[in-house]
Amino acid sequence: MKANRGVRAAPAFKTLDLRPAASVEFILRLVCNVSSVVTQHPDVLGGEPVFAGTRVPAKSLFDHLEAGDSIEQFLEGFPSVKREQVIALLEDSKALVLAAR
């Protein structure tokens, strides 16, 4: 029997799931239940969690921060959102994530 030299079988590594335990969307839905900063209504953006009093999706804050934008840059792009709302959302989200540990 002839050996296949130079051809190696791929190592059998177990695939790791590197996603966070709780998604941003899940955390935002929880925040809606415990905070007045984010609201959710079926008639507003199809029920997507938004900053209270606006039509700005709360997830957009996390998208901007993940992309490297500062809070100030986010607020410039969404003037209807108040800085206090952003800080409260981040604090509420942090508290929920830490409580889930």
N, C-alpha and C. Protein backbone atom coordinates (compact mmCIF):
# COMPACT_ATOMS: atom_id res chain seq x y z
N MET A 1 0.84 -1.17 0.00
CA MET A 1 0.00 0.00 0.00
C MET A 1 0.89 1.24 0.00
N LYS A 2 0.57 2.19 -0.83
CA LYS A 2 1.39 3.37 -0.99
C LYS A 2 0.91 4.48 -0.05
N ALA A 3 1.83 5.11 0.66
CA ALA A 3 1.48 6.19 1.59
C ALA A 3 1.35 7.51 0.84
N ASN A 4 0.43 8.35 1.25
CA ASN A 4 0.25 9.68 0.68
C ASN A 4 1.16 10.65 1.42
N ARG A 5 2.30 10.87 0.86
CA ARG A 5 3.23 11.80 1.50
C ARG A 5 2.88 13.23 1.07
N GLY A 6 3.03 14.14 2.03
CA GLY A 6 2.76 15.54 1.74
C GLY A 6 1.30 15.92 1.90
N VAL A 7 0.43 14.96 2.08
CA VAL A 7 -0.99 15.25 2.27
C VAL A 7 -1.32 14.93 3.71
N ARG A 8 -1.73 15.92 4.43
CA ARG A 8 -2.06 15.71 5.84
C ARG A 8 -3.56 15.83 6.05
N ALA A 9 -4.03 15.03 6.92
CA ALA A 9 -5.45 15.14 7.30
C ALA A 9 -5.60 16.34 8.23
N ALA A 10 -6.68 17.04 8.08
CA ALA A 10 -6.94 18.20 8.94
C ALA A 10 -7.13 17.71 10.37
N PRO A 11 -6.53 18.41 11.33
CA PRO A 11 -6.71 18.00 12.72
C PRO A 11 -8.18 18.11 13.13
N ALA A 12 -8.59 17.24 13.99
CA ALA A 12 -9.99 17.22 14.43
C ALA A 12 -10.14 18.12 15.66
N PHE A 13 -10.36 19.41 15.42
CA PHE A 13 -10.57 20.35 16.50
C PHE A 13 -12.05 20.49 16.77
N LYS A 14 -12.37 20.64 18.02
CA LYS A 14 -13.76 20.92 18.38
C LYS A 14 -14.03 22.39 18.08
N THR A 15 -15.15 22.67 17.45
CA THR A 15 -15.52 24.04 17.15
C THR A 15 -15.96 24.74 18.42
N LEU A 16 -15.40 25.92 18.66
CA LEU A 16 -15.77 26.70 19.84
C LEU A 16 -16.81 27.73 19.47
N ASP A 17 -17.79 27.90 20.32
CA ASP A 17 -18.80 28.92 20.14
C ASP A 17 -18.33 30.15 20.90
N LEU A 18 -17.90 31.18 20.18
CA LEU A 18 -17.35 32.37 20.80
C LEU A 18 -18.39 33.47 20.96
N ARG A 19 -19.65 33.17 20.67
CA ARG A 19 -20.70 34.17 20.84
C ARG A 19 -20.95 34.41 22.33
N PRO A 20 -21.36 35.64 22.68
CA PRO A 20 -21.67 35.89 24.09
C PRO A 20 -22.82 35.02 24.54
N ALA A 21 -22.85 34.73 25.83
CA ALA A 21 -23.90 33.87 26.38
C ALA A 21 -25.28 34.47 26.15
N ALA A 22 -25.38 35.76 26.25
CA ALA A 22 -26.66 36.44 26.02
C ALA A 22 -26.46 37.47 24.92
N SER A 23 -27.31 37.45 23.92
CA SER A 23 -27.17 38.39 22.81
C SER A 23 -27.63 39.78 23.24
N VAL A 24 -27.20 40.76 22.49
CA VAL A 24 -27.63 42.14 22.75
C VAL A 24 -29.14 42.23 22.66
N GLU A 25 -29.73 41.57 21.67
CA GLU A 25 -31.18 41.63 21.51
C GLU A 25 -31.89 41.08 22.74
N PHE A 26 -31.39 39.98 23.28
CA PHE A 26 -31.99 39.38 24.48
C PHE A 26 -31.88 40.33 25.67
N ILE A 27 -30.70 40.90 25.86
CA ILE A 27 -30.48 41.84 26.97
C ILE A 27 -31.41 43.04 26.83
N LEU A 28 -31.57 43.56 25.61
CA LEU A 28 -32.44 44.72 25.42
C LEU A 28 -33.89 44.40 25.75
N ARG A 29 -34.31 43.20 25.42
CA ARG A 29 -35.69 42.82 25.77
C ARG A 29 -35.86 42.73 27.28
N LEU A 30 -34.83 42.28 27.98
CA LEU A 30 -34.88 42.25 29.44
C LEU A 30 -34.89 43.67 30.01
N VAL A 31 -34.07 44.54 29.42
CA VAL A 31 -34.02 45.93 29.89
C VAL A 31 -35.39 46.58 29.78
N CYS A 32 -36.13 46.25 28.74
CA CYS A 32 -37.48 46.81 28.56
C CYS A 32 -38.36 46.51 29.77
N ASN A 33 -38.12 45.37 30.40
CA ASN A 33 -38.95 44.97 31.54
C ASN A 33 -38.57 45.65 32.84
N VAL A 34 -37.35 46.16 32.94
CA VAL A 34 -36.89 46.71 34.21
C VAL A 34 -36.51 48.18 34.14
N SER A 35 -36.63 48.80 33.00
CA SER A 35 -36.16 50.17 32.84
C SER A 35 -37.15 50.97 32.02
N SER A 36 -37.19 52.26 32.29
CA SER A 36 -38.03 53.15 31.49
C SER A 36 -37.22 53.81 30.36
N VAL A 37 -35.95 53.46 30.25
CA VAL A 37 -35.08 54.04 29.23
C VAL A 37 -35.36 53.45 27.85
N VAL A 38 -35.71 52.18 27.81
CA VAL A 38 -35.98 51.48 26.55
C VAL A 38 -37.42 50.99 26.59
N THR A 39 -38.14 51.22 25.51
CA THR A 39 -39.52 50.76 25.42
C THR A 39 -39.68 49.87 24.20
N GLN A 40 -40.78 49.16 24.19
CA GLN A 40 -41.06 48.22 23.11
C GLN A 40 -42.56 48.24 22.85
N HIS A 41 -42.95 48.48 21.62
CA HIS A 41 -44.36 48.48 21.26
C HIS A 41 -44.49 47.94 19.84
N PRO A 42 -45.47 47.07 19.61
CA PRO A 42 -45.60 46.46 18.28
C PRO A 42 -45.76 47.47 17.14
N ASP A 43 -46.29 48.66 17.44
CA ASP A 43 -46.50 49.67 16.40
C ASP A 43 -45.27 50.53 16.12
N VAL A 44 -44.23 50.37 16.92
CA VAL A 44 -43.01 51.17 16.73
C VAL A 44 -41.89 50.24 16.28
N LEU A 45 -41.48 50.39 15.04
CA LEU A 45 -40.41 49.58 14.43
C LEU A 45 -40.63 48.08 14.62
N GLY A 46 -41.86 47.67 14.50
CA GLY A 46 -42.19 46.24 14.58
C GLY A 46 -41.90 45.61 15.93
N GLY A 47 -41.91 46.42 16.98
CA GLY A 47 -41.69 45.88 18.32
C GLY A 47 -40.24 45.83 18.74
N GLU A 48 -39.35 46.39 17.93
CA GLU A 48 -37.93 46.43 18.28
C GLU A 48 -37.74 47.39 19.46
N PRO A 49 -36.92 47.03 20.44
CA PRO A 49 -36.67 47.95 21.56
C PRO A 49 -36.05 49.26 21.08
N VAL A 50 -36.64 50.38 21.51
CA VAL A 50 -36.17 51.70 21.13
C VAL A 50 -35.93 52.55 22.37
N PHE A 51 -35.14 53.60 22.22
CA PHE A 51 -34.99 54.55 23.32
C PHE A 51 -36.34 55.21 23.55
N ALA A 52 -36.75 55.31 24.80
CA ALA A 52 -38.06 55.87 25.15
C ALA A 52 -38.22 57.26 24.54
N GLY A 53 -39.39 57.49 23.96
CA GLY A 53 -39.71 58.78 23.37
C GLY A 53 -39.09 59.00 21.99
N THR A 54 -38.48 57.97 21.43
CA THR A 54 -37.85 58.09 20.11
C THR A 54 -38.22 56.89 19.25
N ARG A 55 -37.74 56.91 18.03
CA ARG A 55 -37.84 55.74 17.15
C ARG A 55 -36.44 55.21 16.86
N VAL A 56 -35.52 55.45 17.76
CA VAL A 56 -34.12 55.03 17.60
C VAL A 56 -33.94 53.66 18.24
N PRO A 57 -33.60 52.66 17.45
CA PRO A 57 -33.39 51.32 18.02
C PRO A 57 -32.27 51.34 19.06
N ALA A 58 -32.52 50.76 20.20
CA ALA A 58 -31.51 50.71 21.27
C ALA A 58 -30.29 49.92 20.81
N LYS A 59 -30.50 48.93 19.98
CA LYS A 59 -29.38 48.11 19.49
C LYS A 59 -28.39 48.95 18.68
N SER A 60 -28.87 50.04 18.09
CA SER A 60 -27.97 50.87 17.29
C SER A 60 -26.84 51.45 18.15
N LEU A 61 -27.10 51.70 19.44
CA LEU A 61 -26.04 52.17 20.32
C LEU A 61 -24.92 51.13 20.39
N PHE A 62 -25.29 49.88 20.61
CA PHE A 62 -24.29 48.81 20.72
C PHE A 62 -23.57 48.60 19.39
N ASP A 63 -24.29 48.73 18.29
CA ASP A 63 -23.65 48.61 16.97
C ASP A 63 -22.60 49.70 16.78
N HIS A 64 -22.93 50.92 17.17
CA HIS A 64 -21.99 52.04 17.04
C HIS A 64 -20.78 51.86 17.95
N LEU A 65 -21.02 51.45 19.19
CA LEU A 65 -19.91 51.25 20.11
C LEU A 65 -19.00 50.12 19.63
N GLU A 66 -19.61 49.06 19.12
CA GLU A 66 -18.83 47.93 18.60
C GLU A 66 -17.97 48.34 17.41
N ALA A 67 -18.48 49.29 16.63
CA ALA A 67 -17.74 49.77 15.45
C ALA A 67 -16.65 50.77 15.84
N GLY A 68 -16.57 51.12 17.12
CA GLY A 68 -15.52 52.02 17.58
C GLY A 68 -15.95 53.45 17.77
N ASP A 69 -17.22 53.74 17.56
CA ASP A 69 -17.72 55.11 17.76
C ASP A 69 -17.81 55.41 19.25
N SER A 70 -17.68 56.66 19.59
CA SER A 70 -17.84 57.09 20.98
C SER A 70 -19.32 57.37 21.25
N ILE A 71 -19.64 57.53 22.51
CA ILE A 71 -21.01 57.90 22.88
C ILE A 71 -21.36 59.24 22.25
N GLU A 72 -20.42 60.16 22.26
CA GLU A 72 -20.66 61.49 21.67
C GLU A 72 -20.97 61.39 20.18
N GLN A 73 -20.25 60.52 19.47
CA GLN A 73 -20.53 60.34 18.03
C GLN A 73 -21.92 59.76 17.83
N PHE A 74 -22.30 58.81 18.67
CA PHE A 74 -23.64 58.24 18.57
C PHE A 74 -24.69 59.33 18.79
N LEU A 75 -24.50 60.14 19.83
CA LEU A 75 -25.47 61.19 20.15
C LEU A 75 -25.57 62.24 19.04
N GLU A 76 -24.47 62.52 18.37
CA GLU A 76 -24.51 63.46 17.25
C GLU A 76 -25.38 62.92 16.13
N GLY A 77 -25.34 61.63 15.92
CA GLY A 77 -26.13 61.01 14.86
C GLY A 77 -27.59 60.81 15.22
N PHE A 78 -27.89 60.82 16.52
CA PHE A 78 -29.25 60.59 16.99
C PHE A 78 -29.60 61.63 18.06
N PRO A 79 -29.84 62.88 17.63
CA PRO A 79 -30.06 63.96 18.59
C PRO A 79 -31.30 63.79 19.47
N SER A 80 -32.22 62.93 19.09
CA SER A 80 -33.41 62.72 19.94
C SER A 80 -33.10 61.86 21.17
N VAL A 81 -31.96 61.20 21.18
CA VAL A 81 -31.56 60.38 22.32
C VAL A 81 -30.72 61.25 23.26
N LYS A 82 -31.03 61.19 24.54
CA LYS A 82 -30.30 61.96 25.55
C LYS A 82 -29.14 61.15 26.11
N ARG A 83 -28.08 61.86 26.48
CA ARG A 83 -26.91 61.21 27.06
C ARG A 83 -27.30 60.37 28.28
N GLU A 84 -28.20 60.88 29.10
CA GLU A 84 -28.65 60.16 30.30
C GLU A 84 -29.29 58.81 29.93
N GLN A 85 -30.00 58.78 28.81
CA GLN A 85 -30.60 57.53 28.35
C GLN A 85 -29.52 56.51 27.98
N VAL A 86 -28.49 56.98 27.29
CA VAL A 86 -27.40 56.09 26.88
C VAL A 86 -26.71 55.51 28.10
N ILE A 87 -26.37 56.37 29.05
CA ILE A 87 -25.67 55.92 30.26
C ILE A 87 -26.55 54.94 31.04
N ALA A 88 -27.83 55.26 31.17
CA ALA A 88 -28.74 54.37 31.90
C ALA A 88 -28.87 53.02 31.21
N LEU A 89 -28.95 53.02 29.87
CA LEU A 89 -29.04 51.75 29.14
C LEU A 89 -27.78 50.91 29.35
N LEU A 90 -26.62 51.54 29.28
CA LEU A 90 -25.38 50.80 29.50
C LEU A 90 -25.30 50.25 30.92
N GLU A 91 -25.70 51.04 31.90
CA GLU A 91 -25.68 50.58 33.29
C GLU A 91 -26.69 49.44 33.52
N ASP A 92 -27.89 49.59 32.98
CA ASP A 92 -28.90 48.54 33.14
C ASP A 92 -28.46 47.25 32.45
N SER A 93 -27.88 47.37 31.27
CA SER A 93 -27.41 46.18 30.54
C SER A 93 -26.29 45.50 31.30
N LYS A 94 -25.37 46.28 31.82
CA LYS A 94 -24.27 45.73 32.61
C LYS A 94 -24.80 44.98 33.82
N ALA A 95 -25.75 45.57 34.52
CA ALA A 95 -26.31 44.94 35.72
C ALA A 95 -26.99 43.61 35.36
N LEU A 96 -27.70 43.57 34.25
CA LEU A 96 -28.35 42.32 33.84
C LEU A 96 -27.34 41.24 33.47
N VAL A 97 -26.30 41.63 32.76
CA VAL A 97 -25.27 40.65 32.38
C VAL A 97 -24.57 40.11 33.61
N LEU A 98 -24.22 41.00 34.54
CA LEU A 98 -23.53 40.55 35.76
C LEU A 98 -24.43 39.69 36.64
N ALA A 99 -25.71 39.99 36.66
CA ALA A 99 -26.65 39.19 37.46
C ALA A 99 -26.82 37.80 36.89
N ALA A 100 -26.60 37.65 35.60
CA ALA A 100 -26.77 36.34 34.94
C ALA A 100 -25.58 35.43 35.15
N ARG A 101 -24.52 35.93 35.71
CA ARG A 101 -23.31 35.10 35.92
C ARG A 101 -23.52 34.06 36.97
